[in-house]
Amino acid sequence: MHHRKAKAETSKGKVYYTTHQWLTQKAEECIREVVKERLARPNIRHKSFLEHVEWLNPKIQGWRNYYYMAYSQQRMAKLD
């Protein structure tokens, strides 16, 4: 993940610093590769759609739990 210090301001005008975090390109590529590996192999294509969904759902939920933060929403939406 990328971590950046950023200046923010409250509605009352008080300035404070916060950390912005978002998904790196390398992590995004890794996620895509796992999904492609699962779905593209010829010997796995005979499995039903439901079996693929059952296998992918926990992985996708885990990635979302780990990477999803306020500033990573655009990158995660792109993956969706």
PDB file of N, CA and C in Angstrom:
ATOM      1  N   MET A   1       0.835  -1.183   0.000  1.00  0.00           N
ATOM      2  CA  MET A   1       0.000   0.000   0.000  1.00  0.00           C
ATOM      3  C   MET A   1       0.875   1.240   0.000  1.00  0.00           C
ATOM      4  N   HIS A   2       0.353   2.278  -0.619  1.00  0.00           N
ATOM      5  CA  HIS A   2       1.012   3.580  -0.556  1.00  0.00           C
ATOM      6  C   HIS A   2       0.506   4.308   0.684  1.00  0.00           C
ATOM      7  N   HIS A   3       1.396   4.993   1.359  1.00  0.00           N
ATOM      8  CA  HIS A   3       1.042   5.803   2.523  1.00  0.00           C
ATOM      9  C   HIS A   3       1.581   7.200   2.287  1.00  0.00           C
ATOM     10  N   ARG A   4       0.695   8.194   2.387  1.00  0.00           N
ATOM     11  CA  ARG A   4       1.126   9.578   2.200  1.00  0.00           C
ATOM     12  C   ARG A   4       0.539  10.452   3.293  1.00  0.00           C
ATOM     13  N   LYS A   5       1.350  11.358   3.800  1.00  0.00           N
ATOM     14  CA  LYS A   5       0.902  12.338   4.776  1.00  0.00           C
ATOM     15  C   LYS A   5       0.212  13.460   4.012  1.00  0.00           C
ATOM     16  N   ALA A   6      -0.965  13.857   4.479  1.00  0.00           N
ATOM     17  CA  ALA A   6      -1.714  14.894   3.780  1.00  0.00           C
ATOM     18  C   ALA A   6      -2.318  15.873   4.779  1.00  0.00           C
ATOM     19  N   LYS A   7      -2.406  17.091   4.355  1.00  0.00           N
ATOM     20  CA  LYS A   7      -3.006  18.128   5.180  1.00  0.00           C
ATOM     21  C   LYS A   7      -4.512  18.128   4.930  1.00  0.00           C
ATOM     22  N   ALA A   8      -5.284  18.231   5.989  1.00  0.00           N
ATOM     23  CA  ALA A   8      -6.740  18.276   5.880  1.00  0.00           C
ATOM     24  C   ALA A   8      -7.254  19.385   6.789  1.00  0.00           C
ATOM     25  N   GLU A   9      -8.510  19.728   6.587  1.00  0.00           N
ATOM     26  CA  GLU A   9      -9.096  20.818   7.357  1.00  0.00           C
ATOM     27  C   GLU A   9     -10.491  20.416   7.814  1.00  0.00           C
ATOM     28  N   THR A  10     -10.814  20.733   9.070  1.00  0.00           N
ATOM     29  CA  THR A  10     -12.144  20.453   9.588  1.00  0.00           C
ATOM     30  C   THR A  10     -13.128  21.491   9.065  1.00  0.00           C
ATOM     31  N   SER A  11     -14.402  21.271   9.317  1.00  0.00           N
ATOM     32  CA  SER A  11     -15.420  22.227   8.882  1.00  0.00           C
ATOM     33  C   SER A  11     -15.306  23.562   9.624  1.00  0.00           C
ATOM     34  N   LYS A  12     -14.623  23.550  10.763  1.00  0.00           N
ATOM     35  CA  LYS A  12     -14.424  24.778  11.540  1.00  0.00           C
ATOM     36  C   LYS A  12     -13.113  25.475  11.193  1.00  0.00           C
ATOM     37  N   GLY A  13     -12.395  24.961  10.213  1.00  0.00           N
ATOM     38  CA  GLY A  13     -11.173  25.590   9.752  1.00  0.00           C
ATOM     39  C   GLY A  13      -9.903  25.151  10.451  1.00  0.00           C
ATOM     40  N   LYS A  14      -9.984  24.172  11.343  1.00  0.00           N
ATOM     41  CA  LYS A  14      -8.793  23.681  12.033  1.00  0.00           C
ATOM     42  C   LYS A  14      -8.021  22.739  11.100  1.00  0.00           C
ATOM     43  N   VAL A  15      -6.735  22.991  10.946  1.00  0.00           N
ATOM     44  CA  VAL A  15      -5.884  22.196  10.062  1.00  0.00           C
ATOM     45  C   VAL A  15      -5.249  21.054  10.851  1.00  0.00           C
ATOM     46  N   TYR A  16      -5.230  19.874  10.245  1.00  0.00           N
ATOM     47  CA  TYR A  16      -4.587  18.722  10.859  1.00  0.00           C
ATOM     48  C   TYR A  16      -3.974  17.875   9.752  1.00  0.00           C
ATOM     49  N   TYR A  17      -3.146  16.916  10.137  1.00  0.00           N
ATOM     50  CA  TYR A  17      -2.509  16.015   9.177  1.00  0.00           C
ATOM     51  C   TYR A  17      -3.080  14.616   9.337  1.00  0.00           C
ATOM     52  N   THR A  18      -3.232  13.952   8.233  1.00  0.00           N
ATOM     53  CA  THR A  18      -3.773  12.603   8.228  1.00  0.00           C
ATOM     54  C   THR A  18      -2.963  11.753   7.244  1.00  0.00           C
ATOM     55  N   THR A  19      -3.207  10.474   7.247  1.00  0.00           N
ATOM     56  CA  THR A  19      -2.512   9.567   6.336  1.00  0.00           C
ATOM     57  C   THR A  19      -3.474   9.071   5.275  1.00  0.00           C
ATOM     58  N   HIS A  20      -3.105   9.244   4.015  1.00  0.00           N
ATOM     59  CA  HIS A  20      -3.863   8.681   2.908  1.00  0.00           C
ATOM     60  C   HIS A  20      -3.193   7.369   2.526  1.00  0.00           C
ATOM     61  N   GLN A  21      -4.001   6.343   2.330  1.00  0.00           N
ATOM     62  CA  GLN A  21      -3.474   5.034   1.942  1.00  0.00           C
ATOM     63  C   GLN A  21      -4.263   4.526   0.752  1.00  0.00           C
ATOM     64  N   TRP A  22      -3.569   3.921  -0.198  1.00  0.00           N
ATOM     65  CA  TRP A  22      -4.259   3.341  -1.338  1.00  0.00           C
ATOM     66  C   TRP A  22      -3.453   2.185  -1.905  1.00  0.00           C
ATOM     67  N   LEU A  23      -4.109   1.431  -2.758  1.00  0.00           N
ATOM     68  CA  LEU A  23      -3.583   0.214  -3.356  1.00  0.00           C
ATOM     69  C   LEU A  23      -2.450   0.525  -4.339  1.00  0.00           C
ATOM     70  N   THR A  24      -1.372  -0.236  -4.260  1.00  0.00           N
ATOM     71  CA  THR A  24      -0.272  -0.057  -5.209  1.00  0.00           C
ATOM     72  C   THR A  24      -0.587  -0.786  -6.516  1.00  0.00           C
ATOM     73  N   GLN A  25       0.100  -0.401  -7.554  1.00  0.00           N
ATOM     74  CA  GLN A  25      -0.061  -1.044  -8.860  1.00  0.00           C
ATOM     75  C   GLN A  25       0.331  -2.524  -8.778  1.00  0.00           C
ATOM     76  N   LYS A  26       1.386  -2.816  -8.031  1.00  0.00           N
ATOM     77  CA  LYS A  26       1.851  -4.198  -7.887  1.00  0.00           C
ATOM     78  C   LYS A  26       0.793  -5.069  -7.206  1.00  0.00           C
ATOM     79  N   ALA A  27       0.154  -4.550  -6.163  1.00  0.00           N
ATOM     80  CA  ALA A  27      -0.887  -5.307  -5.466  1.00  0.00           C
ATOM     81  C   ALA A  27      -2.092  -5.526  -6.370  1.00  0.00           C
ATOM     82  N   GLU A  28      -2.438  -4.498  -7.138  1.00  0.00           N
ATOM     83  CA  GLU A  28      -3.555  -4.615  -8.063  1.00  0.00           C
ATOM     84  C   GLU A  28      -3.272  -5.687  -9.117  1.00  0.00           C
ATOM     85  N   GLU A  29      -2.074  -5.720  -9.647  1.00  0.00           N
ATOM     86  CA  GLU A  29      -1.698  -6.729 -10.635  1.00  0.00           C
ATOM     87  C   GLU A  29      -1.729  -8.131 -10.036  1.00  0.00           C
ATOM     88  N   CYS A  30      -1.313  -8.255  -8.791  1.00  0.00           N
ATOM     89  CA  CYS A  30      -1.323  -9.553  -8.109  1.00  0.00           C
ATOM     90  C   CYS A  30      -2.754 -10.071  -7.956  1.00  0.00           C
ATOM     91  N   ILE A  31      -3.664  -9.198  -7.591  1.00  0.00           N
ATOM     92  CA  ILE A  31      -5.073  -9.584  -7.445  1.00  0.00           C
ATOM     93  C   ILE A  31      -5.618 -10.053  -8.788  1.00  0.00           C
ATOM     94  N   ARG A  32      -5.351  -9.282  -9.829  1.00  0.00           N
ATOM     95  CA  ARG A  32      -5.826  -9.647 -11.168  1.00  0.00           C
ATOM     96  C   ARG A  32      -5.242 -10.993 -11.618  1.00  0.00           C
ATOM     97  N   GLU A  33      -3.980 -11.224 -11.298  1.00  0.00           N
ATOM     98  CA  GLU A  33      -3.315 -12.461 -11.702  1.00  0.00           C
ATOM     99  C   GLU A  33      -3.944 -13.677 -11.023  1.00  0.00           C
ATOM    100  N   VAL A  34      -4.296 -13.561  -9.755  1.00  0.00           N
ATOM    101  CA  VAL A  34      -4.924 -14.680  -9.045  1.00  0.00           C
ATOM    102  C   VAL A  34      -6.270 -15.023  -9.683  1.00  0.00           C
ATOM    103  N   VAL A  35      -7.047 -14.005 -10.017  1.00  0.00           N
ATOM    104  CA  VAL A  35      -8.350 -14.238 -10.640  1.00  0.00           C
ATOM    105  C   VAL A  35      -8.172 -14.854 -12.033  1.00  0.00           C
ATOM    106  N   LYS A  36      -7.244 -14.320 -12.822  1.00  0.00           N
ATOM    107  CA  LYS A  36      -6.996 -14.862 -14.160  1.00  0.00           C
ATOM    108  C   LYS A  36      -6.518 -16.303 -14.089  1.00  0.00           C
ATOM    109  N   GLU A  37      -5.638 -16.584 -13.139  1.00  0.00           N
ATOM    110  CA  GLU A  37      -5.108 -17.936 -12.995  1.00  0.00           C
ATOM    111  C   GLU A  37      -6.224 -18.924 -12.695  1.00  0.00           C
ATOM    112  N   ARG A  38      -7.147 -18.499 -11.887  1.00  0.00           N
ATOM    113  CA  ARG A  38      -8.258 -19.377 -11.522  1.00  0.00           C
ATOM    114  C   ARG A  38      -9.211 -19.592 -12.703  1.00  0.00           C
ATOM    115  N   LEU A  39      -9.517 -18.549 -13.430  1.00  0.00           N
ATOM    116  CA  LEU A  39     -10.554 -18.633 -14.454  1.00  0.00           C
ATOM    117  C   LEU A  39     -10.051 -19.019 -15.842  1.00  0.00           C
ATOM    118  N   ALA A  40      -8.775 -18.858 -16.113  1.00  0.00           N
ATOM    119  CA  ALA A  40      -8.270 -19.063 -17.472  1.00  0.00           C
ATOM    120  C   ALA A  40      -7.706 -20.455 -17.739  1.00  0.00           C
ATOM    121  N   ARG A  41      -7.426 -21.207 -16.696  1.00  0.00           N
ATOM    122  CA  ARG A  41      -6.813 -22.526 -16.930  1.00  0.00           C
ATOM    123  C   ARG A  41      -7.804 -23.470 -17.616  1.00  0.00           C
ATOM    124  N   PRO A  42      -7.373 -24.161 -18.660  1.00  0.00           N
ATOM    125  CA  PRO A  42      -8.283 -25.056 -19.402  1.00  0.00           C
ATOM    126  C   PRO A  42      -8.842 -26.196 -18.546  1.00  0.00           C
ATOM    127  N   ASN A  43      -8.028 -26.714 -17.626  1.00  0.00           N
ATOM    128  CA  ASN A  43      -8.486 -27.859 -16.823  1.00  0.00           C
ATOM    129  C   ASN A  43      -9.470 -27.454 -15.727  1.00  0.00           C
ATOM    130  N   ILE A  44      -9.725 -26.184 -15.538  1.00  0.00           N
ATOM    131  CA  ILE A  44     -10.644 -25.732 -14.495  1.00  0.00           C
ATOM    132  C   ILE A  44     -11.944 -25.192 -15.092  1.00  0.00           C
ATOM    133  N   ARG A  45     -11.992 -25.069 -16.412  1.00  0.00           N
ATOM    134  CA  ARG A  45     -13.165 -24.498 -17.078  1.00  0.00           C
ATOM    135  C   ARG A  45     -14.418 -25.364 -16.958  1.00  0.00           C
ATOM    136  N   HIS A  46     -14.245 -26.633 -16.668  1.00  0.00           N
ATOM    137  CA  HIS A  46     -15.410 -27.522 -16.549  1.00  0.00           C
ATOM    138  C   HIS A  46     -16.193 -27.282 -15.262  1.00  0.00           C
ATOM    139  N   LYS A  47     -15.609 -26.572 -14.310  1.00  0.00           N
ATOM    140  CA  LYS A  47     -16.302 -26.311 -13.050  1.00  0.00           C
ATOM    141  C   LYS A  47     -17.453 -25.341 -13.280  1.00  0.00           C
ATOM    142  N   SER A  48     -18.445 -25.470 -12.453  1.00  0.00           N
ATOM    143  CA  SER A  48     -19.628 -24.618 -12.607  1.00  0.00           C
ATOM    144  C   SER A  48     -19.338 -23.193 -12.150  1.00  0.00           C
ATOM    145  N   PHE A  49     -20.194 -22.295 -12.569  1.00  0.00           N
ATOM    146  CA  PHE A  49     -20.087 -20.891 -12.187  1.00  0.00           C
ATOM    147  C   PHE A  49     -20.149 -20.759 -10.665  1.00  0.00           C
ATOM    148  N   LEU A  50     -21.030 -21.515 -10.030  1.00  0.00           N
ATOM    149  CA  LEU A  50     -21.189 -21.464  -8.580  1.00  0.00           C
ATOM    150  C   LEU A  50     -19.903 -21.871  -7.858  1.00  0.00           C
ATOM    151  N   GLU A  51     -19.198 -22.876  -8.376  1.00  0.00           N
ATOM    152  CA  GLU A  51     -17.931 -23.295  -7.759  1.00  0.00           C
ATOM    153  C   GLU A  51     -16.877 -22.198  -7.849  1.00  0.00           C
ATOM    154  N   HIS A  52     -16.826 -21.509  -8.983  1.00  0.00           N
ATOM    155  CA  HIS A  52     -15.894 -20.384  -9.125  1.00  0.00           C
ATOM    156  C   HIS A  52     -16.245 -19.263  -8.145  1.00  0.00           C
ATOM    157  N   VAL A  53     -17.523 -18.973  -8.026  1.00  0.00           N
ATOM    158  CA  VAL A  53     -17.968 -17.912  -7.114  1.00  0.00           C
ATOM    159  C   VAL A  53     -17.633 -18.273  -5.670  1.00  0.00           C
ATOM    160  N   GLU A  54     -17.877 -19.519  -5.286  1.00  0.00           N
ATOM    161  CA  GLU A  54     -17.570 -19.967  -3.923  1.00  0.00           C
ATOM    162  C   GLU A  54     -16.080 -19.878  -3.625  1.00  0.00           C
ATOM    163  N   TRP A  55     -15.242 -20.120  -4.623  1.00  0.00           N
ATOM    164  CA  TRP A  55     -13.788 -20.031  -4.427  1.00  0.00           C
ATOM    165  C   TRP A  55     -13.323 -18.584  -4.381  1.00  0.00           C
ATOM    166  N   LEU A  56     -13.887 -17.733  -5.260  1.00  0.00           N
ATOM    167  CA  LEU A  56     -13.437 -16.346  -5.365  1.00  0.00           C
ATOM    168  C   LEU A  56     -13.977 -15.431  -4.262  1.00  0.00           C
ATOM    169  N   ASN A  57     -15.187 -15.661  -3.799  1.00  0.00           N
ATOM    170  CA  ASN A  57     -15.791 -14.748  -2.818  1.00  0.00           C
ATOM    171  C   ASN A  57     -14.943 -14.527  -1.568  1.00  0.00           C
ATOM    172  N   PRO A  58     -14.427 -15.570  -0.915  1.00  0.00           N
ATOM    173  CA  PRO A  58     -13.596 -15.311   0.272  1.00  0.00           C
ATOM    174  C   PRO A  58     -12.325 -14.530  -0.060  1.00  0.00           C
ATOM    175  N   LYS A  59     -11.743 -14.805  -1.218  1.00  0.00           N
ATOM    176  CA  LYS A  59     -10.531 -14.082  -1.613  1.00  0.00           C
ATOM    177  C   LYS A  59     -10.839 -12.606  -1.856  1.00  0.00           C
ATOM    178  N   ILE A  60     -11.888 -12.336  -2.588  1.00  0.00           N
ATOM    179  CA  ILE A  60     -12.269 -10.950  -2.870  1.00  0.00           C
ATOM    180  C   ILE A  60     -12.626 -10.220  -1.588  1.00  0.00           C
ATOM    181  N   GLN A  61     -13.355 -10.868  -0.706  1.00  0.00           N
ATOM    182  CA  GLN A  61     -13.719 -10.243   0.566  1.00  0.00           C
ATOM    183  C   GLN A  61     -12.478  -9.949   1.402  1.00  0.00           C
ATOM    184  N   GLY A  62     -11.526 -10.859   1.389  1.00  0.00           N
ATOM    185  CA  GLY A  62     -10.281 -10.628   2.118  1.00  0.00           C
ATOM    186  C   GLY A  62      -9.497  -9.453   1.565  1.00  0.00           C
ATOM    187  N   TRP A  63      -9.423  -9.336   0.232  1.00  0.00           N
ATOM    188  CA  TRP A  63      -8.732  -8.192  -0.379  1.00  0.00           C
ATOM    189  C   TRP A  63      -9.433  -6.895  -0.025  1.00  0.00           C
ATOM    190  N   ARG A  64     -10.768  -6.924  -0.075  1.00  0.00           N
ATOM    191  CA  ARG A  64     -11.517  -5.706   0.258  1.00  0.00           C
ATOM    192  C   ARG A  64     -11.297  -5.337   1.728  1.00  0.00           C
ATOM    193  N   ASN A  65     -11.303  -6.290   2.606  1.00  0.00           N
ATOM    194  CA  ASN A  65     -11.086  -5.994   4.026  1.00  0.00           C
ATOM    195  C   ASN A  65      -9.696  -5.403   4.266  1.00  0.00           C
ATOM    196  N   TYR A  66      -8.708  -5.895   3.549  1.00  0.00           N
ATOM    197  CA  TYR A  66      -7.337  -5.444   3.756  1.00  0.00           C
ATOM    198  C   TYR A  66      -7.057  -4.099   3.096  1.00  0.00           C
ATOM    199  N   TYR A  67      -7.493  -3.939   1.862  1.00  0.00           N
ATOM    200  CA  TYR A  67      -7.107  -2.764   1.082  1.00  0.00           C
ATOM    201  C   TYR A  67      -8.126  -1.633   1.089  1.00  0.00           C
ATOM    202  N   TYR A  68      -9.359  -1.864   1.445  1.00  0.00           N
ATOM    203  CA  TYR A  68     -10.397  -0.856   1.288  1.00  0.00           C
ATOM    204  C   TYR A  68     -10.322   0.193   2.393  1.00  0.00           C
ATOM    205  N   MET A  69     -10.014   1.393   2.007  1.00  0.00           N
ATOM    206  CA  MET A  69      -9.970   2.540   2.911  1.00  0.00           C
ATOM    207  C   MET A  69     -10.549   3.734   2.165  1.00  0.00           C
ATOM    208  N   ALA A  70     -10.734   4.822   2.848  1.00  0.00           N
ATOM    209  CA  ALA A  70     -11.386   5.986   2.250  1.00  0.00           C
ATOM    210  C   ALA A  70     -10.711   6.440   0.954  1.00  0.00           C
ATOM    211  N   TYR A  71      -9.391   6.412   0.898  1.00  0.00           N
ATOM    212  CA  TYR A  71      -8.687   6.929  -0.265  1.00  0.00           C
ATOM    213  C   TYR A  71      -8.390   5.862  -1.316  1.00  0.00           C
ATOM    214  N   SER A  72      -8.754   4.616  -1.041  1.00  0.00           N
ATOM    215  CA  SER A  72      -8.516   3.552  -2.021  1.00  0.00           C
ATOM    216  C   SER A  72      -9.793   3.167  -2.756  1.00  0.00           C
ATOM    217  N   GLN A  73     -10.872   3.883  -2.535  1.00  0.00           N
ATOM    218  CA  GLN A  73     -12.155   3.520  -3.128  1.00  0.00           C
ATOM    219  C   GLN A  73     -12.116   3.507  -4.650  1.00  0.00           C
ATOM    220  N   GLN A  74     -11.445   4.478  -5.268  1.00  0.00           N
ATOM    221  CA  GLN A  74     -11.397   4.530  -6.729  1.00  0.00           C
ATOM    222  C   GLN A  74     -10.643   3.333  -7.306  1.00  0.00           C
ATOM    223  N   ARG A  75      -9.534   2.968  -6.685  1.00  0.00           N
ATOM    224  CA  ARG A  75      -8.754   1.830  -7.192  1.00  0.00           C
ATOM    225  C   ARG A  75      -9.533   0.526  -7.025  1.00  0.00           C
ATOM    226  N   MET A  76     -10.199   0.369  -5.876  1.00  0.00           N
ATOM    227  CA  MET A  76     -10.968  -0.845  -5.641  1.00  0.00           C
ATOM    228  C   MET A  76     -12.179  -0.905  -6.582  1.00  0.00           C
ATOM    229  N   ALA A  77     -12.794   0.226  -6.853  1.00  0.00           N
ATOM    230  CA  ALA A  77     -13.928   0.253  -7.794  1.00  0.00           C
ATOM    231  C   ALA A  77     -13.459  -0.136  -9.190  1.00  0.00           C
ATOM    232  N   LYS A  78     -12.253   0.257  -9.548  1.00  0.00           N
ATOM    233  CA  LYS A  78     -11.683  -0.105 -10.843  1.00  0.00           C
ATOM    234  C   LYS A  78     -11.514  -1.630 -10.944  1.00  0.00           C
ATOM    235  N   LEU A  79     -11.112  -2.261  -9.856  1.00  0.00           N
ATOM    236  CA  LEU A  79     -10.981  -3.719  -9.843  1.00  0.00           C
ATOM    237  C   LEU A  79     -12.340  -4.408  -9.942  1.00  0.00           C
ATOM    238  N   ASP A  80     -13.342  -3.841  -9.301  1.00  0.00           N
ATOM    239  CA  ASP A  80     -14.679  -4.427  -9.361  1.00  0.00           C
ATOM    240  C   ASP A  80     -15.162  -4.514 -10.788  1.00  0.00           C
TER     241      ASP A  80
END
